[in-house]
């Protein structure tokens, strides 16, 4: 399915997450990564976010809280996942259809191919391949991207891939978003 969509301008709402992958980097695999224990990133109170939030990350990935308060994670030196916390907004979790509508509205200068849609009571996913529409009527290089929403208790987590993520990194970022959890405080 090909859909026309808008420029990657930063906007409020779902696409303002950090938006989309505009380039594809060729990445290598990690030999023996399956035997390693995944790392876990935390969203912290000092960044204005709730403590106890855990984002299970693939082996070798690290996480940081960016200056804008978002949680960003990826391979060393290159974030590929962005997560924004919306405290108390869990009931406003968008469906994959609503994510698609928002992406189409915000990405009018791109051609999108729908790769995957998923909806559960606590997770919505939209995975696409996108290419910029060129002035001569052609298309630029294709790149993978995902947009997701995860509801945990009363909170909403909005996730997106970052520019430059490979297809495998988009898949790994999707799984990290899917498995966000809140851990009980230690007693």
Protein backbone atom coordinates (compact mmCIF):
# COMPACT_ATOMS: atom_id res chain seq x y z
CA UNK A 1 0.00 0.00 0.00
CA UNK A 2 1.46 3.39 -0.99
CA UNK A 3 0.26 6.45 0.87
CA UNK A 4 1.33 10.05 0.48
CA UNK A 5 2.39 11.67 3.70
CA UNK A 6 4.10 15.25 4.99
CA UNK A 7 7.55 16.65 5.74
CA UNK A 8 9.43 15.52 8.80
CA UNK A 9 8.87 18.76 10.66
CA UNK A 10 8.76 18.58 14.41
CA UNK A 11 5.17 18.93 15.55
CA UNK A 12 3.29 18.43 18.76
CA UNK A 13 1.47 15.16 19.17
CA UNK A 14 2.48 11.70 18.11
CA UNK A 15 4.91 12.51 15.32
CA UNK A 16 6.68 15.07 17.51
CA UNK A 17 8.33 12.07 19.18
CA UNK A 18 11.48 12.29 17.21
CA UNK A 19 9.97 11.14 14.06
CA UNK A 20 11.27 9.02 11.35
CA UNK A 21 14.15 7.23 9.83
CA UNK A 22 15.26 9.18 6.77
CA UNK A 23 18.37 7.18 5.98
CA UNK A 24 19.46 3.59 6.19
CA UNK A 25 22.84 2.72 7.67
CA UNK A 26 24.25 -0.68 6.87
CA UNK A 27 24.75 -2.37 10.21
CA UNK A 28 26.51 -5.52 11.18
CA UNK A 29 25.26 -8.20 13.51
CA UNK A 30 26.53 -8.79 16.99
CA UNK A 31 28.24 -12.19 17.27
CA UNK A 32 27.11 -13.91 20.44
CA UNK A 33 24.62 -11.20 21.45
CA UNK A 34 21.89 -13.78 22.03
CA UNK A 35 23.86 -15.16 24.97
CA UNK A 36 24.25 -11.77 26.65
CA UNK A 37 21.78 -10.38 29.17
CA UNK A 38 19.79 -7.45 27.79
CA UNK A 39 20.43 -4.11 29.47
CA UNK A 40 17.62 -2.13 31.01
CA UNK A 41 17.28 1.62 30.67
CA UNK A 42 15.45 3.62 33.32
CA UNK A 43 13.41 6.80 33.12
CA UNK A 44 14.31 8.87 36.17
CA UNK A 45 12.63 11.45 38.36
CA UNK A 46 15.46 13.97 37.91
CA UNK A 47 14.60 14.18 34.21
CA UNK A 48 10.98 14.98 35.11
CA UNK A 49 9.94 11.41 34.42
CA UNK A 50 8.60 8.67 36.65
CA UNK A 51 11.10 6.41 38.39
CA UNK A 52 10.61 2.67 38.21
CA UNK A 53 9.95 2.69 34.45
CA UNK A 54 12.04 0.02 32.76
CA UNK A 55 12.74 -0.25 29.05
CA UNK A 56 14.42 -3.61 28.28
CA UNK A 57 17.12 -2.90 25.71
CA UNK A 58 18.97 -5.18 23.29
CA UNK A 59 22.51 -6.25 24.26
CA UNK A 60 25.06 -3.51 23.65
CA UNK A 61 22.52 -0.67 23.60
CA UNK A 62 22.73 2.19 26.07
CA UNK A 63 20.21 4.79 27.13
CA UNK A 64 20.15 8.41 28.14
CA UNK A 65 17.64 11.11 28.97
CA UNK A 66 17.95 13.82 26.31
CA UNK A 67 17.87 17.55 27.07
CA UNK A 68 14.23 17.67 25.92
CA UNK A 69 13.31 15.07 28.58
CA UNK A 70 12.84 12.16 26.17
CA UNK A 71 14.37 8.75 26.78
CA UNK A 72 16.68 7.77 23.89
CA UNK A 73 18.45 4.44 23.35
CA UNK A 74 20.52 2.65 20.76
CA UNK A 75 23.92 1.25 19.88
CA UNK A 76 26.92 3.20 21.23
CA UNK A 77 26.86 6.83 20.11
CA UNK A 78 23.72 6.52 17.98
CA UNK A 79 20.19 6.64 19.43
CA UNK A 80 17.60 4.80 17.34
CA UNK A 81 14.67 4.74 19.79
CA UNK A 82 12.89 7.69 21.37
CA UNK A 83 10.32 7.31 24.14
CA UNK A 84 8.19 10.11 25.59
CA UNK A 85 6.19 9.60 28.78
CA UNK A 86 2.69 11.07 29.03
CA UNK A 87 1.78 10.58 32.73
CA UNK A 88 -1.88 9.81 33.41
CA UNK A 89 -2.78 9.69 29.69
CA UNK A 90 -3.04 5.91 29.28
CA UNK A 91 -6.72 6.14 28.32
CA UNK A 92 -5.71 8.28 25.32
CA UNK A 93 -3.59 5.52 23.74
CA UNK A 94 -3.96 5.83 19.95
CA UNK A 95 -4.74 2.88 17.71
CA UNK A 96 -2.43 1.91 14.85
CA UNK A 97 -5.00 3.48 12.52
CA UNK A 98 -4.76 6.79 14.38
CA UNK A 99 -0.95 6.56 14.31
CA UNK A 100 -1.16 6.00 10.53
CA UNK A 101 -3.48 9.00 10.08
CA UNK A 102 -1.11 11.22 12.05
CA UNK A 103 1.92 10.03 10.10
CA UNK A 104 0.13 10.60 6.77
CA UNK A 105 -0.80 14.15 7.84
CA UNK A 106 2.69 15.01 9.07
CA UNK A 107 4.66 13.31 6.28
CA UNK A 108 3.11 14.71 3.10
CA UNK A 109 6.44 14.90 1.27
CA UNK A 110 7.13 11.18 1.70
CA UNK A 111 5.75 8.05 0.11
CA UNK A 112 4.96 5.45 2.74
CA UNK A 113 4.58 1.70 2.43
CA UNK A 114 2.74 0.07 5.30
CA UNK A 115 4.78 -2.86 6.64
CA UNK A 116 2.94 -3.75 9.87
CA UNK A 117 0.05 -2.61 12.01
CA UNK A 118 -0.71 -4.07 15.42
CA UNK A 119 -3.26 -3.27 18.09
CA UNK A 120 -3.65 -4.81 21.56
CA UNK A 121 -5.25 -3.28 24.66
CA UNK A 122 -1.81 -2.02 25.82
CA UNK A 123 0.21 -1.58 22.60
CA UNK A 124 -0.27 -0.03 19.16
CA UNK A 125 2.32 -0.26 16.39
CA UNK A 126 2.78 1.22 12.94
CA UNK A 127 5.85 0.09 11.00
CA UNK A 128 6.49 1.67 7.59
CA UNK A 129 9.06 2.01 4.85
CA UNK A 130 9.30 5.59 3.67
CA UNK A 131 10.99 7.46 0.86
CA UNK A 132 11.11 11.21 0.24
CA UNK A 133 9.22 12.40 -2.82
CA UNK A 134 11.66 14.20 -5.14
CA UNK A 135 10.95 17.35 -7.15
CA UNK A 136 11.36 15.41 -10.42
CA UNK A 137 8.56 13.03 -9.42
CA UNK A 138 10.87 10.23 -8.32
CA UNK A 139 11.58 8.84 -4.90
CA UNK A 140 14.65 9.14 -2.71
CA UNK A 141 16.19 6.27 -0.73
CA UNK A 142 13.83 4.11 1.29
CA UNK A 143 14.19 3.88 5.06
CA UNK A 144 12.39 1.89 7.77
CA UNK A 145 10.53 3.63 10.60
CA UNK A 146 8.14 2.78 13.40
CA UNK A 147 5.72 4.64 15.63
CA UNK A 148 4.23 3.03 18.70
CA UNK A 149 2.20 3.65 21.81
CA UNK A 150 2.36 1.59 25.01
CA UNK A 151 -0.07 1.90 27.90
CA UNK A 152 1.23 0.85 31.31
CA UNK A 153 -1.24 1.39 34.16
CA UNK A 154 -2.45 5.00 33.78
CA UNK A 155 0.55 6.20 31.77
CA UNK A 156 1.13 6.44 28.03
CA UNK A 157 4.54 5.96 26.39
CA UNK A 158 4.93 7.22 22.82
CA UNK A 159 7.79 5.60 20.87
CA UNK A 160 9.42 6.22 17.51
CA UNK A 161 12.51 5.23 15.60
CA UNK A 162 15.12 7.91 14.99
CA UNK A 163 16.66 8.87 11.65
CA UNK A 164 19.39 6.51 10.50
CA UNK A 165 18.03 3.32 12.09
CA UNK A 166 18.50 0.10 10.14
CA UNK A 167 15.66 -2.39 9.62
CA UNK A 168 17.05 -4.59 12.40
CA UNK A 169 17.38 -1.63 14.76
CA UNK A 170 13.77 -0.64 14.03
CA UNK A 171 12.70 -4.19 14.88
CA UNK A 172 14.70 -4.14 18.13
CA UNK A 173 13.37 -0.68 19.06
CA UNK A 174 9.83 -1.91 18.41
CA UNK A 175 10.34 -4.80 20.84
CA UNK A 176 11.82 -2.45 23.46
CA UNK A 177 8.72 -0.24 23.20
CA UNK A 178 6.42 -3.26 23.39
CA UNK A 179 8.01 -4.40 26.66
CA UNK A 180 8.13 -1.11 28.63
CA UNK A 181 7.08 -1.80 32.21
CA UNK A 182 6.79 -0.13 35.59
CA UNK A 183 8.48 -1.94 38.44
CA UNK A 184 7.16 -1.79 41.98
CA UNK A 185 9.20 0.24 44.44
CA UNK A 186 11.54 -1.88 46.58
CA UNK A 187 10.29 -2.58 50.08
